């Protein structure tokens, strides 16, 4: 599965309204300081598109997480979702970007369970936040609402969104706003972890697949922290990094080992390619699992606290 940034966020199910290459002029202003985003601290180093893809390529998409939860037979729970009732309180660019990721993960969860009745509220919230950071021009929300309301094929919506969300991410990068892309990815990750954690806590027994998926996040969180630390001179980023560091410390008790497998030749896209069949083993005790889950829930609730 190709999990580049756009695929990570495809559960947002966005459809573009801009088919050409013309881009609106970036006139967004910081909510806090009333100065252009380009003047705000934009990182210690310029992160290339290739480096960004390398960092996030292993972050599971919200759809993948939701599919895993559903596959193990865990019923849908609306109580797991972040509320959209106070979306207007996401009143800074920082909060809006994280909120986009959080609501995107929740939207993927709802779609996996075909809960189209409540999806509209989340689409509307996403539209508000996207407009707030001046990327709403990339999404045709009217068409999206119609397709979701008519219960259209989810795969078709995701296919369309893959290419178009990339336009938004590229636009943010080209306008020195890659910090917002980093926050969106963080919102997706923390909410997906939250959904996994709540599912584990409310299950009668610990499911091995869900436990392993949590353990996998040791490496993924490390990569995400590298991305966020590029902006650690920003006080808001620094506070977020401190919260996530508390989770990262707990992951030190997780052991991940690898066993090299025999390569095999397979057909892929009409070509013969070699596939390396390496195996990954995750050692995570139930005690460590619940420590990580509890701390993740705590940090997520702090992030969405308005």
C-alpha atoms as a PDB file:
ATOM      1  CA  UNK A   1       0.000   0.000   0.000  1.00  0.00           C
ATOM      2  CA  UNK A   2       1.459   3.360  -1.017  1.00  0.00           C
ATOM      3  CA  UNK A   3       1.083   5.583   2.002  1.00  0.00           C
ATOM      4  CA  UNK A   4       2.400   8.958   0.914  1.00  0.00           C
ATOM      5  CA  UNK A   5       1.053  12.078   2.576  1.00  0.00           C
ATOM      6  CA  UNK A   6      -1.973  12.384   0.310  1.00  0.00           C
ATOM      7  CA  UNK A   7      -2.919   8.761   0.956  1.00  0.00           C
ATOM      8  CA  UNK A   8      -2.557   9.238   4.674  1.00  0.00           C
ATOM      9  CA  UNK A   9      -5.137  11.983   4.449  1.00  0.00           C
ATOM     10  CA  UNK A  10      -7.387  10.490   1.775  1.00  0.00           C
ATOM     11  CA  UNK A  11     -10.044   9.672   4.320  1.00  0.00           C
ATOM     12  CA  UNK A  12     -10.905  13.341   4.194  1.00  0.00           C
ATOM     13  CA  UNK A  13     -12.515  12.429   0.856  1.00  0.00           C
ATOM     14  CA  UNK A  14     -11.888  15.828  -0.606  1.00  0.00           C
ATOM     15  CA  UNK A  15     -12.798  16.667  -4.221  1.00  0.00           C
ATOM     16  CA  UNK A  16     -11.056  19.529  -5.934  1.00  0.00           C
ATOM     17  CA  UNK A  17     -12.757  22.460  -7.570  1.00  0.00           C
ATOM     18  CA  UNK A  18      -9.519  23.513  -9.310  1.00  0.00           C
ATOM     19  CA  UNK A  19      -8.646  21.397 -12.324  1.00  0.00           C
ATOM     20  CA  UNK A  20      -5.922  23.633 -13.768  1.00  0.00           C
ATOM     21  CA  UNK A  21      -2.590  24.871 -12.580  1.00  0.00           C
ATOM     22  CA  UNK A  22      -3.670  28.377 -11.586  1.00  0.00           C
ATOM     23  CA  UNK A  23      -3.224  29.046  -7.901  1.00  0.00           C
ATOM     24  CA  UNK A  24      -4.825  31.789  -5.876  1.00  0.00           C
ATOM     25  CA  UNK A  25      -2.463  34.285  -4.348  1.00  0.00           C
ATOM     26  CA  UNK A  26      -1.528  33.338  -0.779  1.00  0.00           C
ATOM     27  CA  UNK A  27      -2.904  36.157   1.334  1.00  0.00           C
ATOM     28  CA  UNK A  28      -3.466  34.205   4.539  1.00  0.00           C
ATOM     29  CA  UNK A  29      -2.608  35.983   7.771  1.00  0.00           C
ATOM     30  CA  UNK A  30      -1.715  34.636  11.161  1.00  0.00           C
ATOM     31  CA  UNK A  31      -4.666  34.743  13.491  1.00  0.00           C
ATOM     32  CA  UNK A  32      -2.495  35.601  16.465  1.00  0.00           C
ATOM     33  CA  UNK A  33      -0.206  38.282  15.039  1.00  0.00           C
ATOM     34  CA  UNK A  34      -1.980  39.593  11.957  1.00  0.00           C
ATOM     35  CA  UNK A  35       1.130  39.132   9.810  1.00  0.00           C
ATOM     36  CA  UNK A  36       1.621  36.969   6.702  1.00  0.00           C
ATOM     37  CA  UNK A  37       2.369  33.282   7.244  1.00  0.00           C
ATOM     38  CA  UNK A  38       5.584  33.717   5.252  1.00  0.00           C
ATOM     39  CA  UNK A  39       6.915  35.939   8.035  1.00  0.00           C
ATOM     40  CA  UNK A  40       6.154  33.391  10.759  1.00  0.00           C
ATOM     41  CA  UNK A  41       9.001  31.034  11.699  1.00  0.00           C
ATOM     42  CA  UNK A  42       8.884  28.262   9.119  1.00  0.00           C
ATOM     43  CA  UNK A  43      11.414  25.749  10.390  1.00  0.00           C
ATOM     44  CA  UNK A  44      15.093  25.232  11.129  1.00  0.00           C
ATOM     45  CA  UNK A  45      15.616  23.569   7.761  1.00  0.00           C
ATOM     46  CA  UNK A  46      13.780  23.443   4.465  1.00  0.00           C
ATOM     47  CA  UNK A  47      12.256  19.976   4.211  1.00  0.00           C
ATOM     48  CA  UNK A  48      12.241  18.570   0.685  1.00  0.00           C
ATOM     49  CA  UNK A  49       9.215  16.785  -0.731  1.00  0.00           C
ATOM     50  CA  UNK A  50      11.237  13.547  -0.853  1.00  0.00           C
ATOM     51  CA  UNK A  51      12.256  13.859   2.801  1.00  0.00           C
ATOM     52  CA  UNK A  52       8.670  14.593   3.841  1.00  0.00           C
ATOM     53  CA  UNK A  53       7.469  11.505   1.992  1.00  0.00           C
ATOM     54  CA  UNK A  54      10.176   9.394   3.645  1.00  0.00           C
ATOM     55  CA  UNK A  55       9.090  10.565   7.090  1.00  0.00           C
ATOM     56  CA  UNK A  56       5.375   9.964   6.643  1.00  0.00           C
ATOM     57  CA  UNK A  57       5.289   7.015   4.242  1.00  0.00           C
ATOM     58  CA  UNK A  58       4.762   4.490   7.044  1.00  0.00           C
ATOM     59  CA  UNK A  59       2.023   6.356   8.915  1.00  0.00           C
ATOM     60  CA  UNK A  60      -1.137   4.308   8.604  1.00  0.00           C
ATOM     61  CA  UNK A  61      -4.040   6.015   6.915  1.00  0.00           C
ATOM     62  CA  UNK A  62      -7.245   6.576   8.926  1.00  0.00           C
ATOM     63  CA  UNK A  63      -9.049   4.255   6.525  1.00  0.00           C
ATOM     64  CA  UNK A  64      -6.524   1.491   7.228  1.00  0.00           C
ATOM     65  CA  UNK A  65      -6.895   1.963  10.989  1.00  0.00           C
ATOM     66  CA  UNK A  66     -10.690   1.994  10.770  1.00  0.00           C
ATOM     67  CA  UNK A  67     -10.651  -1.105   8.570  1.00  0.00           C
ATOM     68  CA  UNK A  68      -8.532  -2.937  11.145  1.00  0.00           C
ATOM     69  CA  UNK A  69     -10.882  -1.953  13.976  1.00  0.00           C
ATOM     70  CA  UNK A  70     -13.895  -3.108  11.997  1.00  0.00           C
ATOM     71  CA  UNK A  71     -12.204  -6.335  10.861  1.00  0.00           C
ATOM     72  CA  UNK A  72     -11.644  -7.506  14.442  1.00  0.00           C
ATOM     73  CA  UNK A  73     -15.366  -7.198  15.058  1.00  0.00           C
ATOM     74  CA  UNK A  74     -15.439  -4.073  17.202  1.00  0.00           C
ATOM     75  CA  UNK A  75     -18.752  -2.190  16.815  1.00  0.00           C
ATOM     76  CA  UNK A  76     -18.950   1.475  15.815  1.00  0.00           C
ATOM     77  CA  UNK A  77     -19.091   4.047  18.605  1.00  0.00           C
ATOM     78  CA  UNK A  78     -19.976   7.673  18.017  1.00  0.00           C
ATOM     79  CA  UNK A  79     -18.592   8.451  21.471  1.00  0.00           C
ATOM     80  CA  UNK A  80     -15.066   7.991  20.147  1.00  0.00           C
ATOM     81  CA  UNK A  81     -15.331  10.952  17.775  1.00  0.00           C
ATOM     82  CA  UNK A  82     -14.225  14.520  18.352  1.00  0.00           C
ATOM     83  CA  UNK A  83     -17.258  16.800  18.506  1.00  0.00           C
ATOM     84  CA  UNK A  84     -17.918  19.246  15.686  1.00  0.00           C
ATOM     85  CA  UNK A  85     -20.189  21.406  17.859  1.00  0.00           C
ATOM     86  CA  UNK A  86     -17.475  23.940  18.641  1.00  0.00           C
ATOM     87  CA  UNK A  87     -15.568  24.039  15.375  1.00  0.00           C
ATOM     88  CA  UNK A  88     -15.547  27.851  15.458  1.00  0.00           C
ATOM     89  CA  UNK A  89     -13.330  27.632  18.536  1.00  0.00           C
ATOM     90  CA  UNK A  90     -10.543  26.293  16.326  1.00  0.00           C
ATOM     91  CA  UNK A  91      -9.538  29.917  15.969  1.00  0.00           C
ATOM     92  CA  UNK A  92      -5.823  29.800  15.115  1.00  0.00           C
ATOM     93  CA  UNK A  93      -4.002  28.337  12.130  1.00  0.00           C
ATOM     94  CA  UNK A  94      -2.317  25.879  14.488  1.00  0.00           C
ATOM     95  CA  UNK A  95      -5.641  24.565  15.822  1.00  0.00           C
ATOM     96  CA  UNK A  96      -7.289  24.552  12.406  1.00  0.00           C
ATOM     97  CA  UNK A  97      -4.541  22.435  10.844  1.00  0.00           C
ATOM     98  CA  UNK A  98      -4.594  19.869  13.654  1.00  0.00           C
ATOM     99  CA  UNK A  99      -8.392  19.895  13.566  1.00  0.00           C
ATOM    100  CA  UNK A 100      -8.345  19.039   9.857  1.00  0.00           C
ATOM    101  CA  UNK A 101      -6.321  15.934  10.652  1.00  0.00           C
ATOM    102  CA  UNK A 102      -8.477  14.945  13.623  1.00  0.00           C
ATOM    103  CA  UNK A 103     -11.772  15.339  11.779  1.00  0.00           C
ATOM    104  CA  UNK A 104     -10.276  13.621   8.740  1.00  0.00           C
ATOM    105  CA  UNK A 105      -9.461  10.539  10.825  1.00  0.00           C
ATOM    106  CA  UNK A 106     -12.956  10.588  12.308  1.00  0.00           C
ATOM    107  CA  UNK A 107     -14.444  10.869   8.833  1.00  0.00           C
ATOM    108  CA  UNK A 108     -12.497   7.800   7.701  1.00  0.00           C
ATOM    109  CA  UNK A 109     -13.786   5.891  10.726  1.00  0.00           C
ATOM    110  CA  UNK A 110     -17.395   6.830  10.001  1.00  0.00           C
ATOM    111  CA  UNK A 111     -17.166   5.974   6.322  1.00  0.00           C
ATOM    112  CA  UNK A 112     -15.724   2.550   7.071  1.00  0.00           C
ATOM    113  CA  UNK A 113     -18.874   1.821   9.079  1.00  0.00           C
ATOM    114  CA  UNK A 114     -21.121   3.492   6.453  1.00  0.00           C
ATOM    115  CA  UNK A 115     -22.383   6.084   8.946  1.00  0.00           C
ATOM    116  CA  UNK A 116     -23.350   8.561   6.225  1.00  0.00           C
ATOM    117  CA  UNK A 117     -25.931  10.282   8.416  1.00  0.00           C
ATOM    118  CA  UNK A 118     -23.319  11.931  10.629  1.00  0.00           C
ATOM    119  CA  UNK A 119     -20.687  12.403   7.917  1.00  0.00           C
ATOM    120  CA  UNK A 120     -22.186  15.683   6.718  1.00  0.00           C
ATOM    121  CA  UNK A 121     -21.403  17.395  10.032  1.00  0.00           C
ATOM    122  CA  UNK A 122     -17.753  16.423   9.706  1.00  0.00           C
ATOM    123  CA  UNK A 123     -17.568  17.507   6.076  1.00  0.00           C
ATOM    124  CA  UNK A 124     -18.971  20.890   7.098  1.00  0.00           C
ATOM    125  CA  UNK A 125     -16.448  21.166   9.941  1.00  0.00           C
ATOM    126  CA  UNK A 126     -13.598  20.290   7.574  1.00  0.00           C
ATOM    127  CA  UNK A 127     -14.818  22.920   5.128  1.00  0.00           C
ATOM    128  CA  UNK A 128     -14.786  25.554   7.879  1.00  0.00           C
ATOM    129  CA  UNK A 129     -11.232  24.653   8.902  1.00  0.00           C
ATOM    130  CA  UNK A 130      -9.964  24.369   5.325  1.00  0.00           C
ATOM    131  CA  UNK A 131     -11.383  27.785   4.482  1.00  0.00           C
ATOM    132  CA  UNK A 132      -9.782  29.110   7.654  1.00  0.00           C
ATOM    133  CA  UNK A 133      -6.253  28.222   6.488  1.00  0.00           C
ATOM    134  CA  UNK A 134      -7.040  29.296   2.922  1.00  0.00           C
ATOM    135  CA  UNK A 135      -7.042  25.874   1.254  1.00  0.00           C
ATOM    136  CA  UNK A 136     -10.802  25.548   0.820  1.00  0.00           C
ATOM    137  CA  UNK A 137     -10.415  26.519  -2.854  1.00  0.00           C
ATOM    138  CA  UNK A 138      -9.145  23.010  -3.548  1.00  0.00           C
ATOM    139  CA  UNK A 139     -12.318  21.247  -2.439  1.00  0.00           C
ATOM    140  CA  UNK A 140     -15.754  20.979  -4.045  1.00  0.00           C
ATOM    141  CA  UNK A 141     -17.755  20.362  -0.896  1.00  0.00           C
ATOM    142  CA  UNK A 142     -21.135  20.558  -2.626  1.00  0.00           C
ATOM    143  CA  UNK A 143     -20.249  17.644  -4.882  1.00  0.00           C
ATOM    144  CA  UNK A 144     -18.694  15.770  -1.982  1.00  0.00           C
ATOM    145  CA  UNK A 145     -21.839  16.070   0.120  1.00  0.00           C
ATOM    146  CA  UNK A 146     -23.957  14.815  -2.771  1.00  0.00           C
ATOM    147  CA  UNK A 147     -21.761  11.770  -3.376  1.00  0.00           C
ATOM    148  CA  UNK A 148     -21.589  10.854   0.310  1.00  0.00           C
ATOM    149  CA  UNK A 149     -25.322  11.396   0.832  1.00  0.00           C
ATOM    150  CA  UNK A 150     -26.051   9.122  -2.125  1.00  0.00           C
ATOM    151  CA  UNK A 151     -23.766   6.493  -0.563  1.00  0.00           C
ATOM    152  CA  UNK A 152     -21.480   6.394  -3.589  1.00  0.00           C
ATOM    153  CA  UNK A 153     -18.533   4.020  -3.852  1.00  0.00           C
ATOM    154  CA  UNK A 154     -15.895   4.902  -1.252  1.00  0.00           C
ATOM    155  CA  UNK A 155     -13.033   3.696  -3.445  1.00  0.00           C
ATOM    156  CA  UNK A 156     -14.025   6.129  -6.202  1.00  0.00           C
ATOM    157  CA  UNK A 157     -14.044   9.043  -3.790  1.00  0.00           C
ATOM    158  CA  UNK A 158     -10.640   8.063  -2.435  1.00  0.00           C
ATOM    159  CA  UNK A 159      -9.194   7.684  -5.926  1.00  0.00           C
ATOM    160  CA  UNK A 160     -10.248  11.214  -6.827  1.00  0.00           C
ATOM    161  CA  UNK A 161      -9.029  12.662  -3.547  1.00  0.00           C
ATOM    162  CA  UNK A 162      -5.540  11.178  -3.831  1.00  0.00           C
ATOM    163  CA  UNK A 163      -4.474  13.456  -6.681  1.00  0.00           C
ATOM    164  CA  UNK A 164      -6.306  16.532  -5.484  1.00  0.00           C
ATOM    165  CA  UNK A 165      -5.132  16.549  -1.894  1.00  0.00           C
ATOM    166  CA  UNK A 166      -1.612  16.502  -3.274  1.00  0.00           C
ATOM    167  CA  UNK A 167      -2.352  19.853  -4.908  1.00  0.00           C
ATOM    168  CA  UNK A 168      -3.207  21.325  -1.521  1.00  0.00           C
ATOM    169  CA  UNK A 169      -0.071  19.938   0.114  1.00  0.00           C
ATOM    170  CA  UNK A 170       2.107  21.242  -2.718  1.00  0.00           C
ATOM    171  CA  UNK A 171       0.426  24.637  -2.429  1.00  0.00           C
ATOM    172  CA  UNK A 172       1.219  24.820   1.294  1.00  0.00           C
ATOM    173  CA  UNK A 173       4.848  23.911   0.648  1.00  0.00           C
ATOM    174  CA  UNK A 174       5.306  26.394  -2.167  1.00  0.00           C
ATOM    175  CA  UNK A 175       3.949  29.161   0.033  1.00  0.00           C
ATOM    176  CA  UNK A 176       6.235  28.395   3.006  1.00  0.00           C
ATOM    177  CA  UNK A 177       3.424  26.819   4.996  1.00  0.00           C
ATOM    178  CA  UNK A 178       4.652  23.226   5.257  1.00  0.00           C
ATOM    179  CA  UNK A 179       4.291  23.608   9.023  1.00  0.00           C
ATOM    180  CA  UNK A 180       0.528  23.321   8.469  1.00  0.00           C
ATOM    181  CA  UNK A 181       0.963  20.075   6.526  1.00  0.00           C
ATOM    182  CA  UNK A 182       2.976  18.739   9.468  1.00  0.00           C
ATOM    183  CA  UNK A 183       0.161  19.620  11.867  1.00  0.00           C
ATOM    184  CA  UNK A 184      -2.476  17.981   9.679  1.00  0.00           C
ATOM    185  CA  UNK A 185      -0.437  14.768   9.646  1.00  0.00           C
ATOM    186  CA  UNK A 186      -0.072  14.997  13.438  1.00  0.00           C
ATOM    187  CA  UNK A 187      -3.828  15.391  13.828  1.00  0.00           C
ATOM    188  CA  UNK A 188      -4.417  12.309  11.695  1.00  0.00           C
ATOM    189  CA  UNK A 189      -1.905  10.268  13.700  1.00  0.00           C
ATOM    190  CA  UNK A 190      -3.075  11.241  17.183  1.00  0.00           C
ATOM    191  CA  UNK A 191      -6.768  10.689  16.363  1.00  0.00           C
ATOM    192  CA  UNK A 192      -6.071   7.319  14.714  1.00  0.00           C
ATOM    193  CA  UNK A 193      -4.105   6.285  17.801  1.00  0.00           C
ATOM    194  CA  UNK A 194      -6.976   7.506  19.967  1.00  0.00           C
ATOM    195  CA  UNK A 195      -9.499   5.393  18.038  1.00  0.00           C
ATOM    196  CA  UNK A 196      -7.281   2.339  18.441  1.00  0.00           C
ATOM    197  CA  UNK A 197      -6.771   3.064  22.117  1.00  0.00           C
ATOM    198  CA  UNK A 198     -10.445   3.530  22.930  1.00  0.00           C
ATOM    199  CA  UNK A 199     -11.252   0.321  21.085  1.00  0.00           C
ATOM    200  CA  UNK A 200      -8.642  -1.599  23.101  1.00  0.00           C
ATOM    201  CA  UNK A 201      -9.764  -0.174  26.448  1.00  0.00           C
ATOM    202  CA  UNK A 202     -13.406  -0.995  25.877  1.00  0.00           C
ATOM    203  CA  UNK A 203     -12.827  -4.525  24.554  1.00  0.00           C
ATOM    204  CA  UNK A 204     -13.267  -7.583  26.756  1.00  0.00           C
ATOM    205  CA  UNK A 205      -9.752  -8.798  25.946  1.00  0.00           C
ATOM    206  CA  UNK A 206      -6.618  -7.458  24.268  1.00  0.00           C
ATOM    207  CA  UNK A 207      -6.678  -8.124  20.536  1.00  0.00           C
ATOM    208  CA  UNK A 208      -3.248  -9.125  19.220  1.00  0.00           C
ATOM    209  CA  UNK A 209      -3.629  -7.257  15.914  1.00  0.00           C
ATOM    210  CA  UNK A 210      -4.615  -4.007  17.613  1.00  0.00           C
ATOM    211  CA  UNK A 211      -1.815  -4.399  20.147  1.00  0.00           C
ATOM    212  CA  UNK A 212       0.765  -4.909  17.371  1.00  0.00           C
ATOM    213  CA  UNK A 213      -0.570  -1.905  15.473  1.00  0.00           C
ATOM    214  CA  UNK A 214       0.006   0.218  18.579  1.00  0.00           C
ATOM    215  CA  UNK A 215       3.527  -1.211  18.931  1.00  0.00           C
ATOM    216  CA  UNK A 216       4.335  -0.309  15.313  1.00  0.00           C
ATOM    217  CA  UNK A 217       3.831   3.331  16.178  1.00  0.00           C
ATOM    218  CA  UNK A 218       7.177   3.397  18.031  1.00  0.00           C
ATOM    219  CA  UNK A 219       9.042   3.992  14.772  1.00  0.00           C
ATOM    220  CA  UNK A 220       6.303   6.100  13.230  1.00  0.00           C
ATOM    221  CA  UNK A 221       6.154   8.488  16.178  1.00  0.00           C
ATOM    222  CA  UNK A 222       9.923   8.847  16.034  1.00  0.00           C
ATOM    223  CA  UNK A 223       9.688   9.957  12.404  1.00  0.00           C
ATOM    224  CA  UNK A 224       6.819  12.305  13.181  1.00  0.00           C
ATOM    225  CA  UNK A 225       8.823  13.912  15.984  1.00  0.00           C
ATOM    226  CA  UNK A 226      11.705  14.578  13.580  1.00  0.00           C
ATOM    227  CA  UNK A 227       9.258  16.449  11.400  1.00  0.00           C
ATOM    228  CA  UNK A 228       7.743  18.498  14.230  1.00  0.00           C
ATOM    229  CA  UNK A 229      11.089  19.369  15.820  1.00  0.00           C
ATOM    230  CA  UNK A 230      11.934  21.318  12.693  1.00  0.00           C
ATOM    231  CA  UNK A 231       9.532  23.955  14.055  1.00  0.00           C
ATOM    232  CA  UNK A 232      10.454  23.766  17.743  1.00  0.00           C
ATOM    233  CA  UNK A 233      11.239  27.482  17.984  1.00  0.00           C
ATOM    234  CA  UNK A 234       7.492  28.096  17.726  1.00  0.00           C
ATOM    235  CA  UNK A 235       6.056  27.922  21.287  1.00  0.00           C
ATOM    236  CA  UNK A 236       2.923  26.122  20.112  1.00  0.00           C
ATOM    237  CA  UNK A 237       4.958  23.455  18.352  1.00  0.00           C
ATOM    238  CA  UNK A 238       7.242  23.153  21.364  1.00  0.00           C
ATOM    239  CA  UNK A 239       4.276  22.447  23.641  1.00  0.00           C
ATOM    240  CA  UNK A 240       2.958  19.814  21.222  1.00  0.00           C
ATOM    241  CA  UNK A 241       6.391  18.184  21.018  1.00  0.00           C
ATOM    242  CA  UNK A 242       6.583  18.017  24.826  1.00  0.00           C
ATOM    243  CA  UNK A 243       3.213  16.245  24.984  1.00  0.00           C
ATOM    244  CA  UNK A 244       4.158  13.733  22.297  1.00  0.00           C
ATOM    245  CA  UNK A 245       7.520  13.138  23.976  1.00  0.00           C
ATOM    246  CA  UNK A 246       5.650  11.733  26.984  1.00  0.00           C
ATOM    247  CA  UNK A 247       4.176   9.108  24.659  1.00  0.00           C
ATOM    248  CA  UNK A 248       7.526   8.489  22.986  1.00  0.00           C
ATOM    249  CA  UNK A 249       9.185   7.745  26.343  1.00  0.00           C
ATOM    250  CA  UNK A 250       6.662   4.946  26.981  1.00  0.00           C
ATOM    251  CA  UNK A 251       7.443   3.420  23.591  1.00  0.00           C
ATOM    252  CA  UNK A 252      10.977   2.693  24.816  1.00  0.00           C
ATOM    253  CA  UNK A 253       9.483  -0.376  26.494  1.00  0.00           C
ATOM    254  CA  UNK A 254       8.424  -1.769  23.089  1.00  0.00           C
ATOM    255  CA  UNK A 255      10.885  -4.027  21.266  1.00  0.00           C
ATOM    256  CA  UNK A 256      10.749  -4.402  17.478  1.00  0.00           C
ATOM    257  CA  UNK A 257      12.931  -7.006  15.765  1.00  0.00           C
ATOM    258  CA  UNK A 258      13.234  -8.120  12.156  1.00  0.00           C
ATOM    259  CA  UNK A 259      13.910 -11.432  10.463  1.00  0.00           C
ATOM    260  CA  UNK A 260      15.287 -11.394   6.945  1.00  0.00           C
ATOM    261  CA  UNK A 261      13.202 -13.506   4.582  1.00  0.00           C
ATOM    262  CA  UNK A 262      13.822 -15.065   1.198  1.00  0.00           C
ATOM    263  CA  UNK A 263      13.184 -12.775  -1.777  1.00  0.00           C
ATOM    264  CA  UNK A 264      10.707 -13.801  -4.441  1.00  0.00           C
ATOM    265  CA  UNK A 265       9.854 -12.552  -7.906  1.00  0.00           C
ATOM    266  CA  UNK A 266       6.302 -11.303  -8.401  1.00  0.00           C
ATOM    267  CA  UNK A 267       4.385  -9.507 -11.138  1.00  0.00           C
ATOM    268  CA  UNK A 268       3.510  -5.902 -10.344  1.00  0.00           C
ATOM    269  CA  UNK A 269       1.937  -3.505 -12.867  1.00  0.00           C
ATOM    270  CA  UNK A 270       2.857  -5.837 -15.710  1.00  0.00           C
ATOM    271  CA  UNK A 271       6.512  -6.115 -14.644  1.00  0.00           C
ATOM    272  CA  UNK A 272       8.484  -8.727 -12.739  1.00  0.00           C
ATOM    273  CA  UNK A 273       9.962  -7.308  -9.531  1.00  0.00           C
ATOM    274  CA  UNK A 274      11.754  -8.770  -6.525  1.00  0.00           C
ATOM    275  CA  UNK A 275       9.894  -8.703  -3.202  1.00  0.00           C
ATOM    276  CA  UNK A 276      11.845  -9.055   0.024  1.00  0.00           C
ATOM    277  CA  UNK A 277       9.828 -11.135   2.499  1.00  0.00           C
ATOM    278  CA  UNK A 278      11.200  -9.767   5.750  1.00  0.00           C
ATOM    279  CA  UNK A 279       9.239 -10.367   8.950  1.00  0.00           C
ATOM    280  CA  UNK A 280       8.648  -7.932  11.800  1.00  0.00           C
ATOM    281  CA  UNK A 281       8.123  -8.987  15.398  1.00  0.00           C
ATOM    282  CA  UNK A 282       6.701  -6.630  18.023  1.00  0.00           C
ATOM    283  CA  UNK A 283       7.103  -7.318  21.729  1.00  0.00           C
ATOM    284  CA  UNK A 284       4.736  -5.165  23.778  1.00  0.00           C
ATOM    285  CA  UNK A 285       3.375  -6.177  27.167  1.00  0.00           C
ATOM    286  CA  UNK A 286      -0.204  -5.446  28.140  1.00  0.00           C
ATOM    287  CA  UNK A 287       1.089  -3.164  30.885  1.00  0.00           C
ATOM    288  CA  UNK A 288       3.070  -1.091  28.388  1.00  0.00           C
ATOM    289  CA  UNK A 289       0.195  -1.166  25.927  1.00  0.00           C
ATOM    290  CA  UNK A 290      -2.232   0.394  28.385  1.00  0.00           C
ATOM    291  CA  UNK A 291       0.319   2.973  29.520  1.00  0.00           C
ATOM    292  CA  UNK A 292       0.714   4.112  25.920  1.00  0.00           C
ATOM    293  CA  UNK A 293      -3.035   4.058  25.316  1.00  0.00           C
ATOM    294  CA  UNK A 294      -3.835   6.050  28.457  1.00  0.00           C
ATOM    295  CA  UNK A 295      -1.185   8.684  27.732  1.00  0.00           C
ATOM    296  CA  UNK A 296      -2.298   8.955  24.093  1.00  0.00           C
ATOM    297  CA  UNK A 297      -5.899   9.504  25.147  1.00  0.00           C
ATOM    298  CA  UNK A 298      -4.744  12.174  27.591  1.00  0.00           C
ATOM    299  CA  UNK A 299      -2.680  14.010  24.954  1.00  0.00           C
ATOM    300  CA  UNK A 300      -5.414  13.769  22.323  1.00  0.00           C
ATOM    301  CA  UNK A 301      -8.025  15.191  24.681  1.00  0.00           C
ATOM    302  CA  UNK A 302      -5.667  18.048  25.511  1.00  0.00           C
ATOM    303  CA  UNK A 303      -5.103  18.777  21.817  1.00  0.00           C
ATOM    304  CA  UNK A 304      -8.808  19.053  21.026  1.00  0.00           C
ATOM    305  CA  UNK A 305      -9.648  20.932  24.230  1.00  0.00           C
ATOM    306  CA  UNK A 306     -11.053  24.305  23.230  1.00  0.00           C
END
